[in-house]
Protein backbone atom coordinates (compact mmCIF):
# COMPACT_ATOMS: atom_id res chain seq x y z
CA MET A 1 148.79 158.15 157.47
CA ARG A 2 152.76 156.85 159.18
CA LYS A 3 154.78 154.65 157.14
CA ARG A 4 154.18 151.78 159.68
CA ILE A 5 150.75 152.03 159.68
CA PHE A 6 150.51 151.84 156.30
CA VAL A 7 152.41 148.88 155.85
CA LEU A 8 151.04 147.04 158.69
CA ILE A 9 147.12 147.57 157.16
CA ILE A 10 148.90 146.12 153.49
CA ILE A 11 150.45 143.07 155.99
CA LEU A 12 147.02 142.31 157.57
CA MET A 13 145.33 142.71 154.33
CA SER A 14 147.56 140.41 152.50
CA ILE A 15 147.23 137.96 155.16
CA ALA A 16 143.55 137.88 155.37
CA LEU A 17 143.70 137.51 151.54
CA ILE A 18 145.96 134.56 151.77
CA GLY A 19 143.73 133.02 154.55
CA ILE A 20 140.78 133.38 152.39
CA ILE A 21 142.14 132.10 149.35
CA SER A 22 143.88 129.01 151.14
CA VAL A 23 139.93 128.57 152.39
CA GLN A 24 138.63 128.38 149.14
CA VAL A 25 141.73 126.02 147.88
CA PHE A 26 141.22 123.74 150.98
CA TRP A 27 137.56 123.42 150.26
CA ILE A 28 137.88 122.53 146.49
CA LYS A 29 140.16 120.28 146.85
CA ASN A 30 138.46 118.47 150.06
CA THR A 31 135.15 118.66 147.46
CA VAL A 32 137.77 117.53 144.41
CA GLN A 33 138.72 114.69 147.32
CA ILE A 34 134.64 113.77 148.01
CA THR A 35 133.35 113.47 144.51
CA GLU A 36 136.86 110.82 143.99
CA GLU A 37 135.88 109.26 146.71
CA GLN A 38 131.78 108.91 145.82
CA PHE A 39 132.79 108.45 142.00
CA THR A 40 135.03 104.97 143.57
CA SER A 41 131.85 103.95 145.73
CA ASN A 42 129.45 104.36 142.84
CA VAL A 43 132.27 102.01 140.42
CA ARG A 44 132.92 99.36 143.26
CA PHE A 45 129.04 99.10 143.50
CA ALA A 46 128.23 98.63 139.67
CA LEU A 47 131.31 96.16 139.24
CA ALA A 48 130.23 94.21 142.11
CA LYS A 49 126.46 94.44 140.66
CA VAL A 50 127.81 93.45 136.95
CA SER A 51 129.80 90.78 138.20
CA GLU A 52 126.32 89.30 140.26
CA ASP A 53 124.59 89.62 137.88
CA ILE A 54 126.67 87.79 135.08
CA LYS A 55 126.94 84.67 137.22
CA GLU A 56 123.17 84.67 137.91
CA ARG A 57 122.45 84.90 134.21
CA GLU A 58 125.34 81.96 133.48
CA PHE A 59 123.60 79.63 136.40
CA ARG A 60 120.06 80.69 135.17
CA ASP A 61 120.93 79.81 131.41
CA PHE A 62 122.76 76.43 132.44
CA TYR A 63 119.81 75.52 135.11
CA ASP A 64 117.27 75.85 132.76
CA ASP A 65 118.99 73.94 129.99
CA ILE A 66 119.18 71.11 132.30
CA SER A 67 115.81 71.20 133.24
CA GLU A 68 114.38 71.35 129.93
CA LYS A 69 116.58 68.12 129.60
CA VAL A 70 115.05 66.65 132.14
CA SER A 71 111.74 67.32 131.24
CA ALA A 72 112.30 66.10 127.50
CA GLY A 73 112.18 62.37 128.86
CA ASN A 74 115.37 61.65 130.30
CA ARG A 75 115.13 58.73 133.29
CA LEU A 76 114.94 58.50 136.49
CA SER A 77 118.40 57.15 138.15
CA TYR A 78 117.03 56.66 141.67
CA SER A 79 114.50 58.67 143.89
CA ASP A 80 114.95 59.50 147.94
CA ILE A 81 111.61 59.86 149.70
CA SER A 82 111.45 61.51 153.24
CA LYS A 83 108.04 61.64 155.44
CA PHE A 84 107.45 63.58 158.42
CA ILE A 85 104.12 63.39 160.27
CA TYR A 86 102.96 65.31 163.57
CA GLU A 87 99.64 64.83 165.43
CA LYS A 88 97.81 66.55 168.04
CA ILE A 89 95.09 65.57 169.86
CA ASP A 90 92.56 67.99 171.76
CA THR A 91 90.76 65.97 174.01
CA THR A 92 88.61 69.39 175.13
CA ASN A 93 86.92 69.77 171.61
CA ASN A 94 87.41 65.76 170.70
CA GLU A 95 89.85 66.87 167.62
CA LYS A 96 92.79 65.02 166.26
CA PHE A 97 94.97 67.17 163.95
CA THR A 98 97.58 65.33 161.54
CA TYR A 99 100.02 67.35 159.67
CA SER A 100 102.35 65.38 157.46
CA GLN A 101 105.47 66.62 154.82
CA SER A 102 106.81 64.21 152.28
CA ILE A 103 110.00 65.22 150.68
CA ILE A 104 110.88 63.45 147.22
CA GLU A 105 114.17 64.06 145.80
CA ALA A 106 114.08 62.16 142.03
CA ASN A 107 117.89 61.60 140.70
CA TYR A 108 119.02 62.31 137.00
CA LYS A 109 122.05 61.34 134.89
CA VAL A 110 121.75 63.95 132.31
CA PRO A 111 124.36 64.21 129.62
CA THR A 112 126.41 67.15 129.07
CA GLU A 113 127.66 68.39 126.04
CA PHE A 114 130.85 70.29 127.83
CA PHE A 115 132.57 66.54 128.18
CA GLU A 116 132.18 63.79 125.83
CA ASN A 117 130.59 60.46 127.31
CA ASP A 118 129.95 62.05 130.47
CA SER A 119 126.79 63.14 132.25
CA ILE A 120 125.86 64.90 135.56
CA ASN A 121 123.63 64.66 138.38
CA PHE A 122 120.13 66.60 138.46
CA LYS A 123 117.65 66.84 141.53
CA GLU A 124 114.59 67.47 141.60
CA ILE A 125 112.72 68.20 144.89
CA PHE A 126 108.97 67.96 145.49
CA SER A 127 107.08 68.51 148.43
CA LYS A 128 103.23 67.34 149.59
CA GLU A 129 101.91 68.62 152.69
CA GLU A 130 98.69 67.44 153.86
CA ILE A 131 96.73 68.44 156.99
CA ILE A 132 93.97 66.26 157.91
CA ILE A 133 91.39 67.40 161.03
CA GLU A 134 89.45 64.40 162.72
CA LYS A 135 86.53 65.60 164.69
CA GLY A 136 84.94 62.59 166.95
CA LYS A 137 81.15 61.26 166.87
CA ILE A 138 78.38 63.26 165.89
CA LEU A 139 74.94 62.65 166.35
CA ASP A 140 72.79 61.98 162.84
CA SER A 141 69.83 63.22 162.02
CA LYS A 142 67.90 60.04 163.58
CA GLY A 143 69.87 60.58 167.01
CA GLY A 144 72.22 57.97 166.26
CA LEU A 145 76.17 58.17 166.39
CA ILE A 146 78.20 58.55 163.66
CA ASP A 147 82.02 59.42 162.80
CA ALA A 148 82.70 63.21 161.62
CA PRO A 149 83.32 63.61 158.19
CA LYS A 150 87.18 64.11 157.92
CA GLU A 151 89.09 67.68 156.54
CA ARG A 152 91.76 67.52 154.25
CA TYR A 153 94.14 69.88 152.66
CA ILE A 154 96.77 68.89 150.46
CA LYS A 155 99.44 71.57 149.09
CA VAL A 156 102.11 69.61 146.30
CA GLY A 157 104.84 72.20 145.40
CA ARG A 158 108.45 72.39 144.19
CA PHE A 159 111.45 73.03 145.84
CA ASP A 160 113.26 75.25 143.34
CA LYS A 161 115.87 76.88 145.83
CA ALA A 162 116.41 73.80 147.31
CA GLN A 163 117.19 72.18 143.73
CA LYS A 164 119.48 75.17 142.61
CA ALA A 165 121.52 74.99 145.94
CA LYS A 166 122.20 71.37 145.68
CA PHE A 167 123.14 72.09 142.04
CA GLU A 168 125.63 74.63 142.27
CA PRO A 169 128.38 72.77 143.06
CA VAL A 170 128.22 70.55 140.47
CA PHE A 171 127.65 73.95 138.12
CA ASP A 172 130.95 75.60 139.63
CA ALA A 173 132.95 72.38 139.45
CA ILE A 174 131.51 72.51 135.41
CA THR A 175 132.19 75.85 134.60
CA SER A 176 135.33 76.50 136.05
CA LYS A 177 136.81 74.31 133.20
CA LEU A 178 135.44 76.40 130.62
CA PRO A 179 137.33 79.12 128.91
CA ILE A 180 136.44 82.70 130.38
CA HIS A 181 135.08 83.49 126.63
CA LYS A 182 132.71 80.58 126.67
CA ARG A 183 131.21 82.27 129.62
CA VAL A 184 130.89 85.73 128.95
CA SER A 185 130.85 88.14 125.95
CA ASN A 186 132.30 91.69 125.21
CA GLU A 187 128.52 92.78 124.11
CA GLU A 188 127.29 91.36 127.42
CA ILE A 189 130.18 93.06 129.67
CA THR A 190 129.60 96.38 127.84
CA PHE A 191 125.81 96.57 127.91
CA ARG A 192 125.73 95.96 131.83
CA LEU A 193 128.50 98.10 132.47
CA ASN A 194 126.91 100.92 130.52
CA ASN A 195 123.62 100.63 132.70
CA GLU A 196 125.05 99.94 136.45
CA LEU A 197 127.25 103.22 135.45
CA ALA A 198 124.37 104.96 134.01
CA VAL A 199 122.25 104.57 136.81
CA ARG A 200 124.41 105.83 139.61
CA GLY A 201 125.25 108.78 137.27
CA ILE A 202 128.36 107.83 135.69
CA ALA A 203 128.42 109.03 132.43
CA THR A 204 132.16 108.40 130.90
CA GLY A 205 133.93 106.63 129.08
CA PHE A 206 135.39 103.11 130.06
CA LYS A 207 137.89 100.36 129.10
CA TYR A 208 137.96 97.02 130.67
CA GLY A 209 139.70 93.64 130.70
CA ILE A 210 139.41 90.15 132.43
CA TYR A 211 142.78 88.87 133.33
CA SER A 212 142.87 85.19 135.05
CA ASN A 213 145.76 84.88 137.77
CA GLY A 214 147.16 88.04 136.45
CA LEU A 215 147.08 87.33 132.81
CA ALA A 216 145.18 88.92 130.12
CA THR A 217 142.27 86.94 128.41
CA GLN A 218 140.29 87.70 125.39
CA VAL A 219 137.62 89.18 126.81
CA LYS A 220 138.86 92.95 126.70
CA SER A 221 137.75 96.32 125.22
CA GLY A 222 140.04 97.02 122.42
CA TYR A 223 143.99 97.79 123.42
CA PHE A 224 143.32 97.01 127.41
CA ARG A 225 145.99 97.48 130.12
CA LYS A 226 145.19 97.44 134.02
CA GLU A 227 147.33 100.40 135.54
CA ALA A 228 148.08 100.37 139.37
CA GLY A 229 146.33 102.57 141.06
CA LYS A 230 144.17 103.75 138.78
CA SER A 231 141.75 100.15 137.54
CA TYR A 232 139.18 99.14 139.30
CA LYS A 233 138.85 95.45 139.92
CA VAL A 234 136.23 92.90 141.30
CA PRO A 235 136.23 89.22 141.22
CA MET A 236 134.37 87.32 138.48
CA PHE A 237 132.46 84.25 138.95
CA VAL A 238 132.78 83.72 142.46
CA ASP A 239 132.78 79.94 143.90
CA ALA A 240 130.54 78.91 147.09
CA GLU A 241 134.03 79.07 148.74
CA GLY A 242 134.63 82.62 147.91
CA ASN A 243 137.26 81.64 145.23
CA SER A 244 137.74 83.33 141.87
CA ASN A 245 140.37 82.51 138.85
CA PHE A 246 138.99 85.75 136.89
CA GLN A 247 138.97 89.28 137.79
CA LEU A 248 137.23 92.13 135.64
CA TYR A 249 139.35 95.24 136.01
CA VAL A 250 138.17 98.52 134.43
CA THR A 251 139.73 102.17 133.80
CA PHE A 252 137.89 105.59 133.12
CA PRO A 253 140.82 107.51 131.13
CA GLU A 254 138.64 110.76 131.29
CA LYS A 255 137.90 110.37 134.81
CA LYS A 256 139.18 113.54 136.21
CA ASN A 257 137.76 115.46 133.39
CA PHE A 258 134.62 113.80 134.71
CA ILE A 259 135.13 114.65 138.35
CA LEU A 260 135.77 118.11 137.88
CA ALA A 261 133.01 118.55 135.32
CA SER A 262 130.57 117.15 137.72
CA ILE A 263 131.54 119.92 140.05
CA SER A 264 132.21 122.86 137.70
CA LYS A 265 130.03 124.92 138.27
CA ILE A 266 130.68 125.08 142.36
CA LEU A 267 134.30 125.30 140.75
CA VAL A 268 133.44 128.21 138.36
CA LEU A 269 131.32 130.04 141.50
CA SER A 270 133.98 129.41 143.71
CA ALA A 271 137.05 130.93 141.30
CA PHE A 272 134.64 133.65 140.55
CA PHE A 273 134.42 134.55 144.15
CA VAL A 274 137.94 134.33 144.40
CA PHE A 275 138.74 136.92 141.52
CA ILE A 276 136.47 139.06 143.15
CA ILE A 277 138.17 139.01 146.57
CA ILE A 278 141.41 139.47 144.99
CA LEU A 279 139.81 142.58 142.56
CA ALA A 280 138.51 144.24 145.72
CA PHE A 281 141.70 143.48 147.62
CA VAL A 282 143.95 145.49 144.43
CA SER A 283 141.36 148.24 144.55
CA ALA A 284 141.58 148.86 147.87
CA LEU A 285 145.13 148.52 148.09
CA TYR A 286 145.56 151.08 144.97
CA GLN A 287 143.19 153.24 146.53
CA LEU A 288 145.43 153.42 149.81
CA VAL A 289 148.71 153.69 148.06
CA ARG A 290 147.05 156.44 145.72
CA GLN A 291 145.53 157.87 149.19
CA LYS A 292 148.77 158.13 150.63
CA GLN A 293 150.35 159.32 147.45
CA ILE A 294 148.06 162.71 147.22
CA SER A 295 148.55 163.24 150.92
CA GLU A 296 152.05 163.48 150.14
CA ILE A 297 151.61 165.39 147.30
CA LYS A 298 149.30 168.13 148.90
CA THR A 299 151.68 168.34 151.36
CA ASP A 300 154.41 168.73 149.15
CA PHE A 301 152.22 171.26 147.39
CA ILE A 302 151.58 173.45 150.54
CA ASN A 303 154.64 173.48 151.63
CA ASN A 304 156.09 174.98 147.90
CA MET A 305 153.29 177.32 147.64
CA THR A 306 153.91 178.23 151.34
CA HIS A 307 157.65 178.88 149.88
CA GLU A 308 156.41 180.76 146.89
CA PHE A 309 154.34 183.01 148.96
CA LYS A 310 156.63 183.36 151.57
CA THR A 311 159.52 185.24 149.50
CA PRO A 312 157.21 188.01 147.91
CA ILE A 313 155.48 188.64 151.32
CA ALA A 314 158.92 189.34 153.11
CA THR A 315 160.07 191.18 149.99
CA ILE A 316 156.95 193.09 150.44
CA ASN A 317 157.31 193.71 153.96
CA LEU A 318 160.71 195.28 153.76
CA ALA A 319 159.64 197.25 151.02
CA LEU A 320 156.98 198.54 153.56
CA ASP A 321 159.93 199.45 156.38
CA ALA A 322 162.00 200.95 153.74
CA ILE A 323 158.86 203.27 152.75
CA LYS A 324 158.61 204.32 156.40
CA ASN A 325 162.04 205.46 156.96
CA PRO A 326 161.96 209.47 157.04
CA LYS A 327 165.19 208.99 155.01
CA ILE A 328 163.30 207.46 152.34
CA ILE A 329 159.96 208.63 152.30
CA ASP A 330 160.80 212.05 151.24
CA ASP A 331 162.67 210.62 148.24
CA LYS A 332 160.34 210.10 144.95
CA GLU A 333 162.43 208.03 142.97
CA LYS A 334 163.23 205.36 146.03
CA VAL A 335 159.83 205.34 147.01
CA LEU A 336 158.45 204.73 143.28
CA LYS A 337 160.86 201.84 143.33
CA TYR A 338 159.71 199.90 146.39
CA VAL A 339 156.13 200.74 144.96
CA LYS A 340 156.92 199.01 141.57
CA MET A 341 158.50 195.95 144.00
CA ILE A 342 155.38 195.87 145.53
CA ARG A 343 153.25 195.95 142.62
CA ASP A 344 155.69 193.19 140.99
CA GLU A 345 155.62 190.82 143.76
CA ASN A 346 152.08 191.19 144.23
CA LYS A 347 151.39 190.23 140.56
CA ARG A 348 153.53 186.95 141.49
CA MET A 349 151.37 186.10 143.72
CA HIS A 350 148.42 186.82 141.91
CA ALA A 351 150.01 184.67 139.22
CA GLN A 352 150.55 181.66 141.81
CA VAL A 353 146.84 181.83 143.02
CA GLU A 354 145.39 182.18 139.03
CA ASN A 355 147.71 178.99 138.09
CA VAL A 356 146.14 176.97 140.70
CA LEU A 357 142.09 178.52 139.99
CA ARG A 358 142.93 177.84 136.01
CA ILE A 359 143.90 174.14 137.00
CA SER A 360 141.06 173.54 139.20
CA LYS A 361 138.58 175.08 137.05
CA LEU A 362 140.03 172.58 133.99
CA GLU A 363 139.18 169.48 136.04
CA LYS A 364 135.65 170.80 136.36
CA ASN A 365 135.52 171.71 132.92
CA GLN A 366 134.39 175.12 134.00
CA LEU A 367 137.13 176.96 131.92
CA ASP A 368 136.22 178.94 129.48
CA VAL A 369 138.65 178.42 126.29
CA SER A 370 136.56 180.10 123.05
CA LYS A 371 139.13 179.39 120.00
CA GLU A 372 139.40 181.10 117.21
CA LYS A 373 142.19 181.57 113.88
CA ALA A 374 145.68 181.79 115.30
CA ASP A 375 149.11 181.51 113.92
CA VAL A 376 151.44 179.00 115.54
CA HIS A 377 154.68 181.14 114.83
CA ASP A 378 152.75 184.23 116.51
CA ILE A 379 152.27 182.08 119.38
CA ILE A 380 155.81 180.77 119.56
CA GLU A 381 157.35 184.21 119.00
CA GLU A 382 155.25 185.82 121.58
CA ALA A 383 156.00 183.09 123.97
CA ILE A 384 159.81 183.70 123.32
CA THR A 385 159.77 187.49 124.42
CA HIS A 386 158.48 186.59 127.68
CA VAL A 387 161.76 184.57 128.70
CA GLU A 388 164.55 185.60 126.19
CA LEU A 389 165.72 188.33 128.87
CA LEU A 390 165.96 185.54 131.53
CA VAL A 391 167.99 183.44 129.10
CA LYS A 392 170.20 185.87 128.24
CA ASP A 393 170.62 186.72 131.73
CA ARG A 394 171.70 183.39 132.72
CA GLY A 395 174.34 182.92 129.85
CA GLY A 396 172.00 180.81 127.11
CA TYR A 397 170.42 181.19 124.27
CA ILE A 398 167.16 179.89 122.39
CA ASN A 399 167.67 178.66 118.62
CA VAL A 400 164.47 179.26 116.75
CA ASN A 401 164.16 177.00 113.11
CA LEU A 402 160.14 177.31 112.33
CA LYS A 403 159.82 175.51 108.91
CA ALA A 404 155.94 174.60 109.12
CA GLY A 405 154.72 175.39 105.60
CA LEU A 406 150.93 175.50 107.06
CA THR A 407 150.58 177.21 110.91
CA GLU A 408 147.16 178.05 111.31
CA ILE A 409 144.99 176.67 113.56
CA LEU A 410 141.66 177.54 115.61
CA GLY A 411 142.63 177.75 119.26
CA ASN A 412 142.52 180.13 122.29
CA GLN A 413 146.05 182.44 121.72
CA PHE A 414 146.47 183.35 125.46
CA HIS A 415 146.38 179.64 126.76
CA LEU A 416 148.33 178.77 123.79
CA ASN A 417 150.88 181.07 124.71
CA SER A 418 150.99 179.77 128.03
CA VAL A 419 151.69 176.43 127.22
CA ILE A 420 154.90 177.51 124.85
CA VAL A 421 155.72 179.78 128.08
CA ASN A 422 155.23 176.49 130.41
CA MET A 423 157.38 174.47 128.45
CA LEU A 424 160.10 177.24 127.50
CA ASP A 425 159.94 177.99 131.32
CA ASN A 426 160.36 174.49 132.53
CA ALA A 427 163.34 174.01 130.18
CA ILE A 428 165.13 177.23 132.01
CA LYS A 429 164.56 175.45 135.49
CA TYR A 430 165.48 172.28 135.08
CA SER A 431 168.81 173.29 133.00
CA GLU A 432 172.09 173.48 134.83
CA GLY A 433 174.16 176.39 133.83
CA GLY A 434 173.17 178.62 130.59
CA PRO A 435 169.86 176.83 129.50
CA LYS A 436 170.47 175.99 125.39
CA ILE A 437 166.94 175.26 124.30
CA ASP A 438 165.86 174.61 120.54
CA ILE A 439 162.37 175.23 119.22
CA SER A 440 161.54 173.90 116.02
CA THR A 441 158.18 173.28 113.87
CA GLU A 442 157.23 171.20 110.91
CA SER A 443 153.87 170.60 109.17
CA THR A 444 152.53 167.30 107.59
CA SER A 445 149.14 167.31 105.65
CA LYS A 446 146.58 167.47 109.18
CA ASN A 447 149.01 168.67 112.07
CA ILE A 448 151.93 171.13 112.95
CA ILE A 449 154.47 169.84 115.14
CA ILE A 450 155.94 171.46 117.67
CA ARG A 451 159.05 170.53 119.57
CA VAL A 452 160.92 172.44 122.52
CA LYS A 453 164.12 170.74 123.19
CA ASP A 454 166.87 171.41 125.96
CA LYS A 455 169.72 170.15 126.73
CA GLY A 456 169.45 170.08 130.85
CA ILE A 457 169.32 167.40 133.25
CA GLY A 458 166.82 165.09 131.47
CA MET A 459 164.59 162.70 133.54
CA SER A 460 164.02 158.98 134.24
CA LYS A 461 161.13 156.43 132.04
CA SER A 462 159.67 156.42 135.37
CA VAL A 463 159.59 160.25 135.68
CA GLN A 464 158.52 160.38 132.18
CA LYS A 465 155.11 158.57 132.93
CA ASN A 466 154.24 160.56 135.91
CA ILE A 467 155.22 164.52 134.60
CA PHE A 468 151.52 165.26 133.17
CA LYS A 469 149.88 164.28 136.49
CA LYS A 470 148.70 167.44 138.89
CA PHE A 471 150.81 168.15 141.37
CA TYR A 472 153.43 165.96 139.96
CA ARG A 473 157.24 166.90 140.78
CA GLU A 474 160.69 164.86 140.45
CA GLU A 475 161.99 164.55 144.22
CA SER A 476 165.79 165.31 144.05
CA GLY A 477 166.70 165.66 148.18
CA ASN A 478 165.26 169.31 148.56
CA ILE A 479 161.71 169.85 146.99
CA HIS A 480 162.50 173.39 146.84
CA ASN A 481 165.72 173.18 144.38
CA VAL A 482 163.21 174.06 141.69
CA LYS A 483 160.38 176.46 142.05
CA GLY A 484 157.20 175.61 141.06
CA HIS A 485 153.99 173.26 142.32
CA GLY A 486 153.53 170.90 139.81
CA LEU A 487 150.74 171.84 137.92
CA GLY A 488 152.36 173.50 134.47
CA LEU A 489 152.83 170.59 132.60
CA SER A 490 149.21 169.06 134.09
CA TYR A 491 148.01 172.44 132.59
CA VAL A 492 149.97 171.83 129.48
CA LYS A 493 148.49 168.55 128.59
CA LYS A 494 144.77 169.52 129.75
CA ILE A 495 145.00 172.72 126.99
CA ILE A 496 146.48 170.63 124.73
CA GLU A 497 143.73 167.83 124.88
CA ILE A 498 140.88 170.89 124.77
CA HIS A 499 142.69 171.64 121.19
CA GLN A 500 142.34 168.19 120.21
CA GLY A 501 145.97 167.98 120.02
CA GLU A 502 148.68 165.65 121.87
CA ILE A 503 151.48 166.06 123.72
CA TYR A 504 154.26 163.39 124.60
CA VAL A 505 158.30 163.52 125.88
CA GLU A 506 161.31 162.39 124.93
CA SER A 507 164.29 162.40 127.80
CA GLU A 508 167.24 160.48 128.55
CA LYS A 509 169.11 161.81 132.24
CA GLY A 510 172.09 163.63 131.86
CA LYS A 511 171.28 165.08 128.41
CA GLY A 512 168.31 166.48 128.08
CA SER A 513 163.98 166.28 127.22
CA THR A 514 162.00 167.21 123.59
CA PHE A 515 158.54 167.75 124.07
CA THR A 516 156.51 167.03 121.36
CA ILE A 517 153.24 168.83 120.69
CA GLU A 518 150.53 167.86 117.91
CA LEU A 519 148.33 170.23 116.93
CA PRO A 520 145.26 169.91 114.13
CA LEU A 521 145.55 172.38 111.40
CA ILE A 522 142.78 173.94 109.85
């Protein structure tokens, strides 16, 4: 995958992710706003209902009290009587229809307890309705004409609504002079607020206070202070003209928590899906990056394999051409020399292929690693013999310091020998000039510890995290500066893990590296 296309895919995926998250955030924000508006609307309706109910209760109590005093025998001050009469004559049926209504207003002077030596006017309004139907002459049993009997319907009633309507101005005038704490109690406000809020699904704590022309009154819940933009208000005891001297303020300290709790399920689901989207994006991005890395690693591996095979193939071709030369074919010594060269190069290619196949089998758990009793010191000494000449040829040395008292483990001697050879081979490859290698051992009660230390080029922290990965090689300009496929240390780690051991590295750029292996003792 080209770098531009890869970057473009990441940019497009990022834009899509940001867009989806932005839509989710907008939707959540919009939901919170709608819920808050619904909360505000419900609170205002509840407060208006509470204000209306309290006023109605006060008027009803006052009216009932005055009505009882009137019924108790207060003398009538004066009365007004109004009478309305309607008549209709039906000549066809010889009938006369008469409707009459009498309205009686009885005015009383009722002493009031609010003002000393004073009284208020109270009216009782009654209505008498009468319907008379008169028919013309009818025949009696003897055949004579007599007056038909009249049909009379009478209804007497009381105009309660009219009485209350006429009484309201008096009521407003009297109660407006009363202190607020005598008109309504904290208990009543708390009870009515709780009921009205509960009906509208608002189950959260609140505080309230009644203010008169901007000043606090005695009617409030504990320590209450109105807050601009946070308190809801409604006028109390509104008169006939819509004026009021009192305002009821209510605040909800846990309003935000209540709103969030009311949409908590939606928020949790939304957050969950956003998390899933982010997780999917990260996973997809990780897979893209990993696939790109694998593609690059495979390309490097093929290049390295080609380079590794190219040299022995070229050597074999040259040797074969030399043997075909008439001057050499008769020289048995030279022919044997070239044959040996061909065999060595063939072994080298075979070893390369075996390394790749070995790692493949290890990945698939198909490599047969039989274990038996083995001495670690013997394995180390044998491994040193494979590289000793190469180290000396480059003007280096291998210092051996085998101090471990307990050295016997349960392992596969061939593969463990390959592990030590790989580590020594790396120390030689990545040393500038003569390799300077120290190999030492020590033992604990349970493990034997092997350290291979070199004074080579060392490696950075980022490289140390990846060196045990398959095909990984540190890039340093020309990838062929150091021969290999990036399989050695991956193979080493797998073998050590099969032996229930551990391997780790300590290194500093320019100062060398130390590989440490811990294997369990028998």
